[in-house]
Protein backbone atom coordinates (compact mmCIF):
# COMPACT_ATOMS: atom_id res chain seq x y z
CA UNK A 1 0.00 0.00 0.00
CA UNK A 2 1.11 3.53 -0.63
CA UNK A 3 0.50 6.79 1.26
CA UNK A 4 -3.28 7.03 0.89
CA UNK A 5 -3.97 3.54 2.21
CA UNK A 6 -1.51 3.89 5.08
CA UNK A 7 -3.03 7.19 6.14
CA UNK A 8 -6.57 5.86 5.74
CA UNK A 9 -5.82 2.76 7.84
CA UNK A 10 -4.24 4.79 10.63
CA UNK A 11 -6.87 7.54 10.65
CA UNK A 12 -8.08 9.34 12.73
CA UNK A 13 -5.17 9.06 15.21
CA UNK A 14 -2.74 11.96 14.47
CA UNK A 15 0.31 10.26 15.94
CA UNK A 16 -0.29 6.97 14.14
CA UNK A 17 -0.94 8.86 10.91
CA UNK A 18 2.35 10.72 11.39
CA UNK A 19 4.23 7.49 12.05
CA UNK A 20 2.65 5.83 9.03
CA UNK A 21 3.59 8.81 6.87
CA UNK A 22 7.26 8.91 7.89
CA UNK A 23 7.83 5.16 8.32
CA UNK A 24 9.65 4.58 5.02
CA UNK A 25 12.16 7.25 6.07
CA UNK A 26 12.83 5.69 9.47
CA UNK A 27 15.39 2.93 9.21
CA UNK A 28 16.10 0.03 11.55
CA UNK A 29 15.30 0.58 15.20
CA UNK A 30 15.34 4.38 14.94
CA UNK A 31 11.57 4.22 15.49
CA UNK A 32 12.53 4.23 19.18
CA UNK A 33 13.57 7.88 18.78
CA UNK A 34 9.93 8.93 18.37
CA UNK A 35 7.05 9.50 20.81
CA UNK A 36 5.03 6.33 21.59
CA UNK A 37 2.07 7.10 19.30
CA UNK A 38 4.31 7.96 16.34
CA UNK A 39 6.38 4.85 17.05
CA UNK A 40 3.15 2.82 16.96
CA UNK A 41 2.39 4.35 13.56
CA UNK A 42 5.83 3.40 12.23
CA UNK A 43 5.40 -0.17 13.46
CA UNK A 44 1.87 -0.25 12.07
CA UNK A 45 3.22 0.82 8.67
CA UNK A 46 5.79 -1.97 8.76
CA UNK A 47 3.14 -4.53 9.73
CA UNK A 48 0.87 -3.33 6.92
CA UNK A 49 3.75 -3.61 4.44
CA UNK A 50 4.58 -7.11 5.62
CA UNK A 51 0.93 -8.21 5.42
CA UNK A 52 0.64 -6.66 1.95
CA UNK A 53 3.88 -8.19 0.63
CA UNK A 54 2.73 -11.70 1.56
CA UNK A 55 -0.96 -11.50 0.66
CA UNK A 56 -1.83 -14.01 -2.10
CA UNK A 57 -3.99 -11.52 -4.00
CA UNK A 58 -1.20 -8.93 -4.00
CA UNK A 59 1.24 -11.58 -5.24
CA UNK A 60 -1.20 -12.36 -8.07
CA UNK A 61 -1.54 -8.65 -8.88
CA UNK A 62 2.22 -8.22 -9.07
CA UNK A 63 2.32 -10.80 -11.87
CA UNK A 64 0.56 -8.28 -14.13
CA UNK A 65 3.70 -6.12 -13.99
CA UNK A 66 6.52 -8.52 -13.17
CA UNK A 67 7.57 -9.52 -16.70
CA UNK A 68 8.23 -5.91 -17.71
CA UNK A 69 9.00 -4.26 -14.38
CA UNK A 70 10.58 -7.11 -12.41
CA UNK A 71 11.38 -6.08 -8.83
CA UNK A 72 9.35 -2.87 -9.17
CA UNK A 73 6.09 -4.79 -9.60
CA UNK A 74 5.51 -4.43 -5.85
CA UNK A 75 5.92 -0.67 -6.03
CA UNK A 76 3.50 -0.56 -8.94
CA UNK A 77 0.83 -2.63 -7.22
CA UNK A 78 1.13 -0.34 -4.17
CA UNK A 79 0.59 2.76 -6.29
CA UNK A 80 -2.20 1.28 -8.36
CA UNK A 81 -4.00 -0.03 -5.27
CA UNK A 82 -3.84 3.52 -3.87
CA UNK A 83 -5.32 4.71 -7.16
CA UNK A 84 -8.14 2.19 -6.87
CA UNK A 85 -8.76 3.23 -3.26
CA UNK A 86 -8.88 6.88 -4.29
CA UNK A 87 -11.10 6.18 -7.29
CA UNK A 88 -13.57 4.21 -5.13
CA UNK A 89 -13.02 6.10 -1.87
CA UNK A 90 -16.76 6.54 -1.36
CA UNK A 91 -17.06 2.76 -0.94
CA UNK A 92 -14.78 2.94 2.11
CA UNK A 93 -15.48 6.28 3.71
CA UNK A 94 -18.39 8.62 4.36
CA UNK A 95 -15.92 11.50 3.97
CA UNK A 96 -15.18 12.52 0.36
CA UNK A 97 -11.58 12.03 -0.74
CA UNK A 98 -10.93 15.77 -1.07
CA UNK A 99 -12.03 16.37 2.53
CA UNK A 100 -9.99 13.40 3.74
CA UNK A 101 -6.91 14.78 1.95
CA UNK A 102 -7.30 18.29 3.42
CA UNK A 103 -7.97 16.87 6.88
CA UNK A 104 -4.92 14.61 6.61
CA UNK A 105 -2.64 17.49 5.60
CA UNK A 106 -3.99 19.51 8.53
CA UNK A 107 -3.29 16.60 10.90
CA UNK A 108 0.28 16.09 9.64
CA UNK A 109 1.33 19.78 9.52
CA UNK A 110 1.96 20.20 13.28
CA UNK A 111 4.12 17.08 13.31
CA UNK A 112 6.53 18.26 10.60
CA UNK A 113 9.22 18.95 13.18
CA UNK A 114 9.55 15.15 13.56
CA UNK A 115 9.77 14.38 9.84
CA UNK A 116 13.07 13.02 8.54
CA UNK A 117 14.45 15.27 5.79
CA UNK A 118 13.18 13.27 2.81
CA UNK A 119 9.71 12.85 4.38
CA UNK A 120 9.63 16.61 4.92
CA UNK A 121 10.50 17.28 1.28
CA UNK A 122 7.87 14.82 0.11
CA UNK A 123 5.26 16.38 2.41
CA UNK A 124 5.89 19.78 0.80
CA UNK A 125 5.43 18.20 -2.62
CA UNK A 126 2.34 16.31 -1.42
CA UNK A 127 0.75 19.56 -0.26
CA UNK A 128 1.69 21.52 -3.37
CA UNK A 129 0.35 18.87 -5.74
CA UNK A 130 -2.48 17.56 -3.49
CA UNK A 131 -1.17 14.06 -4.14
CA UNK A 132 -3.78 12.24 -2.06
CA UNK A 133 -6.53 13.66 -4.25
CA UNK A 134 -4.49 13.21 -7.43
CA UNK A 135 -4.29 9.47 -6.78
CA UNK A 136 -7.87 9.30 -8.09
CA UNK A 137 -6.96 10.15 -11.69
CA UNK A 138 -4.51 8.51 -14.07
CA UNK A 139 -2.66 11.77 -14.71
CA UNK A 140 -1.97 11.99 -10.98
CA UNK A 141 -0.77 8.39 -10.90
CA UNK A 142 1.49 9.06 -13.87
CA UNK A 143 2.96 12.03 -11.98
CA UNK A 144 3.55 9.87 -8.88
CA UNK A 145 5.23 7.17 -10.98
CA UNK A 146 7.47 9.75 -12.67
CA UNK A 147 8.49 10.96 -9.22
CA UNK A 148 9.35 7.43 -8.11
CA UNK A 149 11.25 6.86 -11.36
CA UNK A 150 13.33 9.94 -10.64
CA UNK A 151 14.30 8.56 -7.21
CA UNK A 152 15.31 5.02 -8.25
CA UNK A 153 18.85 4.25 -9.27
CA UNK A 154 18.39 2.46 -12.57
CA UNK A 155 15.69 4.85 -13.82
CA UNK A 156 13.26 2.16 -14.88
CA UNK A 157 10.45 4.26 -16.33
CA UNK A 158 7.58 3.18 -14.12
CA UNK A 159 4.96 5.41 -15.74
CA UNK A 160 5.24 3.16 -18.80
CA UNK A 161 3.20 0.67 -16.72
CA UNK A 162 0.03 2.74 -17.21
CA UNK A 163 -1.05 0.84 -20.31
CA UNK A 164 -0.68 -2.49 -18.50
CA UNK A 165 -2.76 -1.12 -15.65
CA UNK A 166 -5.50 0.10 -18.02
CA UNK A 167 -5.59 -3.27 -19.80
CA UNK A 168 -5.86 -5.13 -16.48
CA UNK A 169 -7.83 -2.64 -14.38
CA UNK A 170 -10.89 -4.86 -13.91
CA UNK A 171 -8.79 -7.79 -12.71
CA UNK A 172 -6.68 -5.56 -10.45
CA UNK A 173 -9.82 -4.00 -9.01
CA UNK A 174 -11.11 -7.48 -8.09
CA UNK A 175 -7.79 -8.16 -6.38
CA UNK A 176 -7.90 -4.80 -4.62
CA UNK A 177 -11.44 -5.31 -3.27
CA UNK A 178 -10.56 -8.70 -1.82
CA UNK A 179 -7.27 -7.49 -0.38
CA UNK A 180 -8.62 -4.25 1.06
CA UNK A 181 -11.45 -6.06 2.79
CA UNK A 182 -8.86 -8.31 4.44
CA UNK A 183 -6.58 -5.48 5.50
CA UNK A 184 -9.40 -3.29 6.84
CA UNK A 185 -10.49 -6.13 9.13
CA UNK A 186 -7.02 -6.66 10.66
CA UNK A 187 -5.62 -4.99 13.73
CA UNK A 188 -2.09 -3.69 13.39
CA UNK A 189 -0.06 -2.83 16.53
């Protein structure tokens, strides 16, 4: 799962949301450097990632991308599942996606002093581009994938996966629905 799902699953707790947001920037046992609620969010994020990485439906979804995108198929399924969550957000929340995004940014702002440097940079970008809302459209997903491409070493052009996603969207949506039902019913941390 990517940012939207992590923030959704940890909402409405501000500290857990903060921990979930910064978790990828916190390496090893450095989670112990954070307040207990933020630490819980970091550990929750790691548990969600572990559950996701081993879920049979996610493994099936990765096969859509694996022949062309190899080890980045997991990154792609995370991003596309966030897209499907955003696109169908009304099925999972009584709050519209735009309101959820604004509320989430407002929750995270006061915690910026705890953000590792790269999480802080990304948060600025997230605010400027309203990334959580942009997950709902393919242009936004393409922008996110270009950003990830820029950050990876071998510059595999991940936004070239869009056509594969479009061709397999119905199948991936079936996978997403099954997976998201499972993950929403689990307790993490």
